[in-house]
C-alpha atoms as a PDB file:
ATOM      1  CA  MET A   1       0.000   0.000   0.000  1.00  0.00           C
ATOM      2  CA  LEU A   2       1.268   3.436  -0.948  1.00  0.00           C
ATOM      3  CA  GLU A   3       1.642   5.797   1.978  1.00  0.00           C
ATOM      4  CA  VAL A   4       2.109   9.541   1.641  1.00  0.00           C
ATOM      5  CA  LYS A   5       2.887  12.293   4.110  1.00  0.00           C
ATOM      6  CA  CYS A   6      -0.019  14.622   4.864  1.00  0.00           C
ATOM      7  CA  PRO A   7       1.006  18.073   3.556  1.00  0.00           C
ATOM      8  CA  THR A   8      -0.555  19.776   6.594  1.00  0.00           C
ATOM      9  CA  CYS A   9       0.477  17.750   9.643  1.00  0.00           C
ATOM     10  CA  GLY A  10       3.116  15.394   8.225  1.00  0.00           C
ATOM     11  CA  ARG A  11       1.402  12.203   9.399  1.00  0.00           C
ATOM     12  CA  MET A  12       1.828   9.169   7.139  1.00  0.00           C
ATOM     13  CA  VAL A  13      -1.467   8.055   5.603  1.00  0.00           C
ATOM     14  CA  VAL A  14      -2.550   5.349   3.148  1.00  0.00           C
ATOM     15  CA  TYR A  15      -3.214   6.992  -0.229  1.00  0.00           C
ATOM     16  CA  SER A  16      -5.676   4.600  -1.860  1.00  0.00           C
ATOM     17  CA  GLY A  17      -9.186   4.584  -0.465  1.00  0.00           C
ATOM     18  CA  ASN A  18      -8.593   7.817   1.442  1.00  0.00           C
ATOM     19  CA  GLU A  19     -11.343  10.294   0.550  1.00  0.00           C
ATOM     20  CA  PHE A  20      -9.224  13.221   1.803  1.00  0.00           C
ATOM     21  CA  ARG A  21      -6.025  12.327  -0.045  1.00  0.00           C
ATOM     22  CA  PRO A  22      -3.360  13.538  -0.004  1.00  0.00           C
ATOM     23  CA  PHE A  23      -4.444  14.796   3.432  1.00  0.00           C
ATOM     24  CA  CYS A  24      -4.972  12.515   6.405  1.00  0.00           C
ATOM     25  CA  SER A  25      -8.332  13.995   7.423  1.00  0.00           C
ATOM     26  CA  GLU A  26     -10.983  16.532   6.554  1.00  0.00           C
ATOM     27  CA  ARG A  27      -9.507  18.852   9.190  1.00  0.00           C
ATOM     28  CA  CYS A  28      -6.098  18.950   7.488  1.00  0.00           C
ATOM     29  CA  LYS A  29      -7.747  19.409   4.102  1.00  0.00           C
ATOM     30  CA  LEU A  30      -9.784  22.382   5.373  1.00  0.00           C
ATOM     31  CA  LEU A  31      -6.765  23.926   7.103  1.00  0.00           C
ATOM     32  CA  ASP A  32      -4.876  23.818   3.821  1.00  0.00           C
ATOM     33  CA  PHE A  33      -7.837  25.281   1.903  1.00  0.00           C
ATOM     34  CA  GLY A  34      -8.136  28.068   4.475  1.00  0.00           C
ATOM     35  CA  ALA A  35      -4.457  28.916   4.077  1.00  0.00           C
ATOM     36  CA  TRP A  36      -4.926  29.243   0.301  1.00  0.00           C
ATOM     37  CA  ALA A  37      -8.077  31.341   0.789  1.00  0.00           C
ATOM     38  CA  ASN A  38      -6.179  33.666   3.147  1.00  0.00           C
ATOM     39  CA  GLU A  39      -3.411  33.951   0.521  1.00  0.00           C
ATOM     40  CA  GLU A  40      -0.826  32.418   2.847  1.00  0.00           C
ATOM     41  CA  PHE A  41       0.432  30.421  -0.132  1.00  0.00           C
ATOM     42  CA  ALA A  42       1.349  32.225  -3.311  1.00  0.00           C
ATOM     43  CA  LEU A  43       3.251  31.499  -6.458  1.00  0.00           C
ATOM     44  CA  PRO A  44       6.226  33.796  -6.983  1.00  0.00           C
ATOM     45  CA  THR A  45       5.700  36.493  -9.561  1.00  0.00           C
ATOM     46  CA  GLN A  46       7.755  39.253 -10.969  1.00  0.00           C
ATOM     47  CA  ASP A  47       5.879  42.501 -11.451  1.00  0.00           C
ATOM     48  CA  THR A  48       6.953  44.361 -14.529  1.00  0.00           C
ATOM     49  CA  ALA A  49       5.459  47.455 -16.055  1.00  0.00           C
ATOM     50  CA  LEU A  50       4.435  47.300 -19.689  1.00  0.00           C
ATOM     51  CA  SER A  51       6.345  49.570 -22.010  1.00  0.00           C
ATOM     52  CA  GLU A  52       4.668  51.784 -24.589  1.00  0.00           C
ATOM     53  CA  GLU A  53       5.862  49.338 -27.243  1.00  0.00           C
ATOM     54  CA  ASP A  54       4.204  46.445 -25.393  1.00  0.00           C
ATOM     55  CA  LEU A  55       0.923  48.363 -25.135  1.00  0.00           C
ATOM     56  CA  GLU A  56       1.003  49.244 -28.832  1.00  0.00           C
ATOM     57  CA  GLN A  57       1.594  45.586 -29.735  1.00  0.00           C
ATOM     58  CA  ILE A  58      -1.322  44.473 -27.542  1.00  0.00           C
ATOM     59  CA  GLU A  59      -3.618  47.082 -29.102  1.00  0.00           C
ATOM     60  CA  LYS A  60      -2.545  45.987 -32.595  1.00  0.00           C
ATOM     61  CA  VAL A  61      -3.345  42.335 -31.882  1.00  0.00           C
ATOM     62  CA  LEU A  62      -6.712  43.226 -30.341  1.00  0.00           C
ATOM     63  CA  LYS A  63      -7.656  45.336 -33.362  1.00  0.00           C
ATOM     64  CA  GLU A  64      -6.677  42.507 -35.728  1.00  0.00           C
ATOM     65  CA  LYS A  65      -8.825  40.045 -33.770  1.00  0.00           C
ATOM     66  CA  SER A  66     -11.826  42.358 -33.734  1.00  0.00           C
ATOM     67  CA  ASN A  67     -11.642  42.748 -37.545  1.00  0.00           C
ATOM     68  CA  LEU A  68     -12.001  38.991 -38.114  1.00  0.00           C
END
């Protein structure tokens, strides 16, 4: 039987037949969901401002699509 570590509490749990997989319980699943909802987890991003050239290119593409 395949066992995995619960991402929330770290407890080892059988994967197959577990309705909360990969979590060990509904509690751990809801804790993880709550963390995502509160934006405690985030994917790294790099904020960059668009240049005038970028904006012109976007406008050009949008105009071409609207003419189809």
